[in-house]
Amino acid sequence: MEFWNEIAIDKSFKILQELRRKFDFVLIGGWAVYFLTKAIKSKDVDVIVDYKELSRLRTSIGIQKNDFLKNMRQK
């Protein structure tokens, strides 16, 4: 049984696949754990990028700073 809604998981996985084709990043969070353990999938995609890739992400998919979480998120 999945913890998250299957539709959210599928959408998240498709986004991860698209990001993988276009950008260099380090995968962290729930999806990283899943690929190591096959235990539980995730509804969001957490990545670490360098400044060059961050600039490309901003231009390509429109991310913005999230001051509340002190990180970046997609618009």
PDB file of N, CA and C in Angstrom:
ATOM      1  N   MET A   1       0.845  -1.192   0.000  1.00  0.00           N
ATOM      2  CA  MET A   1       0.000   0.000   0.000  1.00  0.00           C
ATOM      3  C   MET A   1       0.886   1.250   0.000  1.00  0.00           C
ATOM      4  N   GLU A   2       0.568   2.188  -0.848  1.00  0.00           N
ATOM      5  CA  GLU A   2       1.329   3.428  -0.949  1.00  0.00           C
ATOM      6  C   GLU A   2       0.838   4.433   0.088  1.00  0.00           C
ATOM      7  N   PHE A   3       1.770   5.232   0.591  1.00  0.00           N
ATOM      8  CA  PHE A   3       1.438   6.279   1.556  1.00  0.00           C
ATOM      9  C   PHE A   3       0.758   7.450   0.861  1.00  0.00           C
ATOM     10  N   TRP A   4       1.217   7.773  -0.354  1.00  0.00           N
ATOM     11  CA  TRP A   4       0.676   8.897  -1.111  1.00  0.00           C
ATOM     12  C   TRP A   4      -0.313   8.402  -2.154  1.00  0.00           C
ATOM     13  N   ASN A   5      -1.142   9.289  -2.646  1.00  0.00           N
ATOM     14  CA  ASN A   5      -2.089   9.009  -3.712  1.00  0.00           C
ATOM     15  C   ASN A   5      -1.335   8.594  -4.973  1.00  0.00           C
ATOM     16  N   GLU A   6      -1.779   7.527  -5.612  1.00  0.00           N
ATOM     17  CA  GLU A   6      -1.089   6.988  -6.790  1.00  0.00           C
ATOM     18  C   GLU A   6      -0.983   8.011  -7.926  1.00  0.00           C
ATOM     19  N   ILE A   7      -1.982   8.850  -8.104  1.00  0.00           N
ATOM     20  CA  ILE A   7      -1.942   9.875  -9.155  1.00  0.00           C
ATOM     21  C   ILE A   7      -0.819  10.874  -8.874  1.00  0.00           C
ATOM     22  N   ALA A   8      -0.685  11.298  -7.627  1.00  0.00           N
ATOM     23  CA  ALA A   8       0.391  12.226  -7.251  1.00  0.00           C
ATOM     24  C   ALA A   8       1.757  11.579  -7.438  1.00  0.00           C
ATOM     25  N   ILE A   9       1.874  10.305  -7.093  1.00  0.00           N
ATOM     26  CA  ILE A   9       3.138   9.574  -7.259  1.00  0.00           C
ATOM     27  C   ILE A   9       3.511   9.492  -8.731  1.00  0.00           C
ATOM     28  N   ASP A  10       2.559   9.120  -9.575  1.00  0.00           N
ATOM     29  CA  ASP A  10       2.835   9.002 -11.014  1.00  0.00           C
ATOM     30  C   ASP A  10       3.254  10.342 -11.615  1.00  0.00           C
ATOM     31  N   LYS A  11       2.567  11.406 -11.239  1.00  0.00           N
ATOM     32  CA  LYS A  11       2.914  12.736 -11.750  1.00  0.00           C
ATOM     33  C   LYS A  11       4.322  13.126 -11.299  1.00  0.00           C
ATOM     34  N   SER A  12       4.619  12.879 -10.048  1.00  0.00           N
ATOM     35  CA  SER A  12       5.939  13.185  -9.504  1.00  0.00           C
ATOM     36  C   SER A  12       7.027  12.402 -10.237  1.00  0.00           C
ATOM     37  N   PHE A  13       6.782  11.122 -10.510  1.00  0.00           N
ATOM     38  CA  PHE A  13       7.770  10.296 -11.202  1.00  0.00           C
ATOM     39  C   PHE A  13       7.996  10.793 -12.630  1.00  0.00           C
ATOM     40  N   LYS A  14       6.939  11.211 -13.298  1.00  0.00           N
ATOM     41  CA  LYS A  14       7.083  11.753 -14.656  1.00  0.00           C
ATOM     42  C   LYS A  14       7.907  13.042 -14.647  1.00  0.00           C
ATOM     43  N   ILE A  15       7.687  13.888 -13.656  1.00  0.00           N
ATOM     44  CA  ILE A  15       8.480  15.113 -13.521  1.00  0.00           C
ATOM     45  C   ILE A  15       9.943  14.768 -13.287  1.00  0.00           C
ATOM     46  N   LEU A  16      10.194  13.787 -12.436  1.00  0.00           N
ATOM     47  CA  LEU A  16      11.565  13.350 -12.171  1.00  0.00           C
ATOM     48  C   LEU A  16      12.240  12.854 -13.445  1.00  0.00           C
ATOM     49  N   GLN A  17      11.534  12.075 -14.239  1.00  0.00           N
ATOM     50  CA  GLN A  17      12.095  11.576 -15.501  1.00  0.00           C
ATOM     51  C   GLN A  17      12.426  12.722 -16.451  1.00  0.00           C
ATOM     52  N   GLU A  18      11.544  13.709 -16.526  1.00  0.00           N
ATOM     53  CA  GLU A  18      11.784  14.867 -17.397  1.00  0.00           C
ATOM     54  C   GLU A  18      13.002  15.665 -16.923  1.00  0.00           C
ATOM     55  N   LEU A  19      13.088  15.891 -15.625  1.00  0.00           N
ATOM     56  CA  LEU A  19      14.240  16.611 -15.078  1.00  0.00           C
ATOM     57  C   LEU A  19      15.534  15.864 -15.378  1.00  0.00           C
ATOM     58  N   ARG A  20      15.499  14.557 -15.252  1.00  0.00           N
ATOM     59  CA  ARG A  20      16.692  13.738 -15.476  1.00  0.00           C
ATOM     60  C   ARG A  20      17.234  13.878 -16.893  1.00  0.00           C
ATOM     61  N   ARG A  21      16.336  14.045 -17.845  1.00  0.00           N
ATOM     62  CA  ARG A  21      16.754  14.188 -19.246  1.00  0.00           C
ATOM     63  C   ARG A  21      17.367  15.560 -19.533  1.00  0.00           C
ATOM     64  N   LYS A  22      17.025  16.567 -18.745  1.00  0.00           N
ATOM     65  CA  LYS A  22      17.408  17.938 -19.075  1.00  0.00           C
ATOM     66  C   LYS A  22      18.457  18.564 -18.159  1.00  0.00           C
ATOM     67  N   PHE A  23      18.583  18.088 -16.939  1.00  0.00           N
ATOM     68  CA  PHE A  23      19.410  18.775 -15.948  1.00  0.00           C
ATOM     69  C   PHE A  23      20.334  17.813 -15.206  1.00  0.00           C
ATOM     70  N   ASP A  24      21.422  18.383 -14.682  1.00  0.00           N
ATOM     71  CA  ASP A  24      22.322  17.645 -13.797  1.00  0.00           C
ATOM     72  C   ASP A  24      21.948  17.989 -12.363  1.00  0.00           C
ATOM     73  N   PHE A  25      21.701  16.982 -11.549  1.00  0.00           N
ATOM     74  CA  PHE A  25      21.321  17.214 -10.157  1.00  0.00           C
ATOM     75  C   PHE A  25      21.636  15.991  -9.310  1.00  0.00           C
ATOM     76  N   VAL A  26      21.584  16.190  -8.012  1.00  0.00           N
ATOM     77  CA  VAL A  26      21.682  15.098  -7.050  1.00  0.00           C
ATOM     78  C   VAL A  26      20.286  14.908  -6.474  1.00  0.00           C
ATOM     79  N   LEU A  27      19.779  13.700  -6.582  1.00  0.00           N
ATOM     80  CA  LEU A  27      18.448  13.385  -6.072  1.00  0.00           C
ATOM     81  C   LEU A  27      18.534  13.115  -4.576  1.00  0.00           C
ATOM     82  N   ILE A  28      17.652  13.757  -3.808  1.00  0.00           N
ATOM     83  CA  ILE A  28      17.587  13.553  -2.358  1.00  0.00           C
ATOM     84  C   ILE A  28      16.130  13.299  -1.993  1.00  0.00           C
ATOM     85  N   GLY A  29      15.850  13.106  -0.746  1.00  0.00           N
ATOM     86  CA  GLY A  29      14.472  12.977  -0.296  1.00  0.00           C
ATOM     87  C   GLY A  29      13.858  11.621  -0.589  1.00  0.00           C
ATOM     88  N   GLY A  30      12.540  11.607  -0.670  1.00  0.00           N
ATOM     89  CA  GLY A  30      11.778  10.372  -0.804  1.00  0.00           C
ATOM     90  C   GLY A  30      12.118   9.523  -2.008  1.00  0.00           C
ATOM     91  N   TRP A  31      12.292  10.140  -3.170  1.00  0.00           N
ATOM     92  CA  TRP A  31      12.625   9.360  -4.364  1.00  0.00           C
ATOM     93  C   TRP A  31      14.002   8.735  -4.248  1.00  0.00           C
ATOM     94  N   ALA A  32      14.954   9.430  -3.655  1.00  0.00           N
ATOM     95  CA  ALA A  32      16.291   8.855  -3.463  1.00  0.00           C
ATOM     96  C   ALA A  32      16.203   7.619  -2.569  1.00  0.00           C
ATOM     97  N   VAL A  33      15.444   7.716  -1.501  1.00  0.00           N
ATOM     98  CA  VAL A  33      15.260   6.575  -0.603  1.00  0.00           C
ATOM     99  C   VAL A  33      14.579   5.429  -1.342  1.00  0.00           C
ATOM    100  N   TYR A  34      13.566   5.742  -2.136  1.00  0.00           N
ATOM    101  CA  TYR A  34      12.873   4.692  -2.885  1.00  0.00           C
ATOM    102  C   TYR A  34      13.828   3.932  -3.806  1.00  0.00           C
ATOM    103  N   PHE A  35      14.669   4.650  -4.546  1.00  0.00           N
ATOM    104  CA  PHE A  35      15.572   3.982  -5.484  1.00  0.00           C
ATOM    105  C   PHE A  35      16.611   3.124  -4.766  1.00  0.00           C
ATOM    106  N   LEU A  36      16.894   3.423  -3.511  1.00  0.00           N
ATOM    107  CA  LEU A  36      17.826   2.599  -2.731  1.00  0.00           C
ATOM    108  C   LEU A  36      17.137   1.426  -2.048  1.00  0.00           C
ATOM    109  N   THR A  37      15.899   1.624  -1.595  1.00  0.00           N
ATOM    110  CA  THR A  37      15.233   0.617  -0.762  1.00  0.00           C
ATOM    111  C   THR A  37      14.008  -0.023  -1.396  1.00  0.00           C
ATOM    112  N   LYS A  38      13.429   0.626  -2.405  1.00  0.00           N
ATOM    113  CA  LYS A  38      12.160   0.205  -3.018  1.00  0.00           C
ATOM    114  C   LYS A  38      11.022   0.161  -1.993  1.00  0.00           C
ATOM    115  N   ALA A  39      11.160   0.931  -0.907  1.00  0.00           N
ATOM    116  CA  ALA A  39      10.196   0.878   0.184  1.00  0.00           C
ATOM    117  C   ALA A  39       8.959   1.740  -0.057  1.00  0.00           C
ATOM    118  N   ILE A  40       9.135   3.026  -0.261  1.00  0.00           N
ATOM    119  CA  ILE A  40       7.988   3.921  -0.416  1.00  0.00           C
ATOM    120  C   ILE A  40       8.342   5.002  -1.429  1.00  0.00           C
ATOM    121  N   LYS A  41       7.406   5.300  -2.300  1.00  0.00           N
ATOM    122  CA  LYS A  41       7.626   6.328  -3.320  1.00  0.00           C
ATOM    123  C   LYS A  41       7.303   7.694  -2.728  1.00  0.00           C
ATOM    124  N   SER A  42       7.407   8.741  -3.536  1.00  0.00           N
ATOM    125  CA  SER A  42       7.216  10.100  -3.029  1.00  0.00           C
ATOM    126  C   SER A  42       6.265  10.881  -3.920  1.00  0.00           C
ATOM    127  N   LYS A  43       5.690  11.941  -3.367  1.00  0.00           N
ATOM    128  CA  LYS A  43       4.801  12.790  -4.158  1.00  0.00           C
ATOM    129  C   LYS A  43       5.494  14.053  -4.633  1.00  0.00           C
ATOM    130  N   ASP A  44       6.728  14.294  -4.160  1.00  0.00           N
ATOM    131  CA  ASP A  44       7.469  15.468  -4.617  1.00  0.00           C
ATOM    132  C   ASP A  44       8.873  15.051  -5.036  1.00  0.00           C
ATOM    133  N   VAL A  45       9.562  15.963  -5.694  1.00  0.00           N
ATOM    134  CA  VAL A  45      10.911  15.692  -6.185  1.00  0.00           C
ATOM    135  C   VAL A  45      11.860  16.675  -5.505  1.00  0.00           C
ATOM    136  N   ASP A  46      12.814  16.144  -4.767  1.00  0.00           N
ATOM    137  CA  ASP A  46      13.798  16.966  -4.061  1.00  0.00           C
ATOM    138  C   ASP A  46      15.157  16.767  -4.709  1.00  0.00           C
ATOM    139  N   VAL A  47      15.777  17.865  -5.120  1.00  0.00           N
ATOM    140  CA  VAL A  47      17.075  17.788  -5.788  1.00  0.00           C
ATOM    141  C   VAL A  47      18.006  18.874  -5.260  1.00  0.00           C
ATOM    142  N   ILE A  48      19.297  18.639  -5.453  1.00  0.00           N
ATOM    143  CA  ILE A  48      20.324  19.643  -5.193  1.00  0.00           C
ATOM    144  C   ILE A  48      21.007  19.923  -6.521  1.00  0.00           C
ATOM    145  N   VAL A  49      21.180  21.211  -6.836  1.00  0.00           N
ATOM    146  CA  VAL A  49      21.844  21.606  -8.082  1.00  0.00           C
ATOM    147  C   VAL A  49      22.906  22.657  -7.783  1.00  0.00           C
ATOM    148  N   ASP A  50      23.848  22.809  -8.708  1.00  0.00           N
ATOM    149  CA  ASP A  50      24.817  23.893  -8.567  1.00  0.00           C
ATOM    150  C   ASP A  50      24.198  25.173  -9.137  1.00  0.00           C
ATOM    151  N   TYR A  51      24.912  26.284  -9.012  1.00  0.00           N
ATOM    152  CA  TYR A  51      24.357  27.576  -9.435  1.00  0.00           C
ATOM    153  C   TYR A  51      24.058  27.629 -10.934  1.00  0.00           C
ATOM    154  N   LYS A  52      24.886  26.978 -11.733  1.00  0.00           N
ATOM    155  CA  LYS A  52      24.655  26.966 -13.180  1.00  0.00           C
ATOM    156  C   LYS A  52      23.333  26.265 -13.503  1.00  0.00           C
ATOM    157  N   GLU A  53      23.121  25.107 -12.902  1.00  0.00           N
ATOM    158  CA  GLU A  53      21.869  24.384 -13.147  1.00  0.00           C
ATOM    159  C   GLU A  53      20.683  25.122 -12.550  1.00  0.00           C
ATOM    160  N   LEU A  54      20.888  25.776 -11.427  1.00  0.00           N
ATOM    161  CA  LEU A  54      19.811  26.562 -10.824  1.00  0.00           C
ATOM    162  C   LEU A  54      19.346  27.646 -11.781  1.00  0.00           C
ATOM    163  N   SER A  55      20.283  28.293 -12.428  1.00  0.00           N
ATOM    164  CA  SER A  55      19.946  29.318 -13.415  1.00  0.00           C
ATOM    165  C   SER A  55      19.160  28.711 -14.576  1.00  0.00           C
ATOM    166  N   ARG A  56      19.590  27.553 -15.042  1.00  0.00           N
ATOM    167  CA  ARG A  56      18.880  26.871 -16.131  1.00  0.00           C
ATOM    168  C   ARG A  56      17.475  26.456 -15.695  1.00  0.00           C
ATOM    169  N   LEU A  57      17.332  25.972 -14.473  1.00  0.00           N
ATOM    170  CA  LEU A  57      16.013  25.592 -13.958  1.00  0.00           C
ATOM    171  C   LEU A  57      15.089  26.802 -13.880  1.00  0.00           C
ATOM    172  N   ARG A  58      15.626  27.913 -13.396  1.00  0.00           N
ATOM    173  CA  ARG A  58      14.815  29.137 -13.313  1.00  0.00           C
ATOM    174  C   ARG A  58      14.276  29.529 -14.675  1.00  0.00           C
ATOM    175  N   THR A  59      15.133  29.479 -15.680  1.00  0.00           N
ATOM    176  CA  THR A  59      14.738  29.865 -17.035  1.00  0.00           C
ATOM    177  C   THR A  59      13.776  28.857 -17.644  1.00  0.00           C
ATOM    178  N   SER A  60      14.053  27.597 -17.448  1.00  0.00           N
ATOM    179  CA  SER A  60      13.307  26.537 -18.126  1.00  0.00           C
ATOM    180  C   SER A  60      11.935  26.255 -17.516  1.00  0.00           C
ATOM    181  N   ILE A  61      11.887  26.079 -16.200  1.00  0.00           N
ATOM    182  CA  ILE A  61      10.614  25.672 -15.601  1.00  0.00           C
ATOM    183  C   ILE A  61      10.048  26.689 -14.616  1.00  0.00           C
ATOM    184  N   GLY A  62      10.707  27.825 -14.502  1.00  0.00           N
ATOM    185  CA  GLY A  62      10.151  28.900 -13.684  1.00  0.00           C
ATOM    186  C   GLY A  62      10.095  28.603 -12.200  1.00  0.00           C
ATOM    187  N   ILE A  63      11.242  28.395 -11.587  1.00  0.00           N
ATOM    188  CA  ILE A  63      11.248  28.224 -10.142  1.00  0.00           C
ATOM    189  C   ILE A  63      11.483  29.572  -9.483  1.00  0.00           C
ATOM    190  N   GLN A  64      11.083  29.664  -8.226  1.00  0.00           N
ATOM    191  CA  GLN A  64      11.264  30.904  -7.482  1.00  0.00           C
ATOM    192  C   GLN A  64      11.657  30.572  -6.051  1.00  0.00           C
ATOM    193  N   LYS A  65      12.231  31.550  -5.371  1.00  0.00           N
ATOM    194  CA  LYS A  65      12.651  31.364  -3.992  1.00  0.00           C
ATOM    195  C   LYS A  65      11.432  31.274  -3.094  1.00  0.00           C
ATOM    196  N   ASN A  66      11.475  30.334  -2.159  1.00  0.00           N
ATOM    197  CA  ASN A  66      10.433  30.180  -1.162  1.00  0.00           C
ATOM    198  C   ASN A  66      11.033  30.612   0.175  1.00  0.00           C
ATOM    199  N   ASP A  67      10.773  31.839   0.594  1.00  0.00           N
ATOM    200  CA  ASP A  67      11.378  32.377   1.812  1.00  0.00           C
ATOM    201  C   ASP A  67      10.940  31.633   3.068  1.00  0.00           C
ATOM    202  N   PHE A  68       9.726  31.118   3.060  1.00  0.00           N
ATOM    203  CA  PHE A  68       9.227  30.397   4.229  1.00  0.00           C
ATOM    204  C   PHE A  68      10.050  29.135   4.481  1.00  0.00           C
ATOM    205  N   LEU A  69      10.343  28.394   3.403  1.00  0.00           N
ATOM    206  CA  LEU A  69      11.105  27.154   3.541  1.00  0.00           C
ATOM    207  C   LEU A  69      12.598  27.352   3.342  1.00  0.00           C
ATOM    208  N   LYS A  70      12.995  28.547   2.924  1.00  0.00           N
ATOM    209  CA  LYS A  70      14.392  28.874   2.646  1.00  0.00           C
ATOM    210  C   LYS A  70      14.981  27.957   1.569  1.00  0.00           C
ATOM    211  N   ASN A  71      14.194  27.716   0.539  1.00  0.00           N
ATOM    212  CA  ASN A  71      14.659  26.932  -0.605  1.00  0.00           C
ATOM    213  C   ASN A  71      13.954  27.420  -1.860  1.00  0.00           C
ATOM    214  N   MET A  72      14.053  26.661  -2.931  1.00  0.00           N
ATOM    215  CA  MET A  72      13.415  27.023  -4.195  1.00  0.00           C
ATOM    216  C   MET A  72      12.247  26.078  -4.454  1.00  0.00           C
ATOM    217  N   ARG A  73      11.259  26.564  -5.189  1.00  0.00           N
ATOM    218  CA  ARG A  73      10.135  25.711  -5.577  1.00  0.00           C
ATOM    219  C   ARG A  73       9.662  26.139  -6.952  1.00  0.00           C
ATOM    220  N   GLN A  74       8.973  25.228  -7.629  1.00  0.00           N
ATOM    221  CA  GLN A  74       8.430  25.556  -8.939  1.00  0.00           C
ATOM    222  C   GLN A  74       7.208  26.429  -8.750  1.00  0.00           C
ATOM    223  N   LYS A  75       7.030  27.412  -9.649  1.00  0.00           N
ATOM    224  CA  LYS A  75       5.875  28.317  -9.580  1.00  0.00           C
ATOM    225  C   LYS A  75       4.590  27.566  -9.795  1.00  0.00           C
TER     226      LYS A  75
END
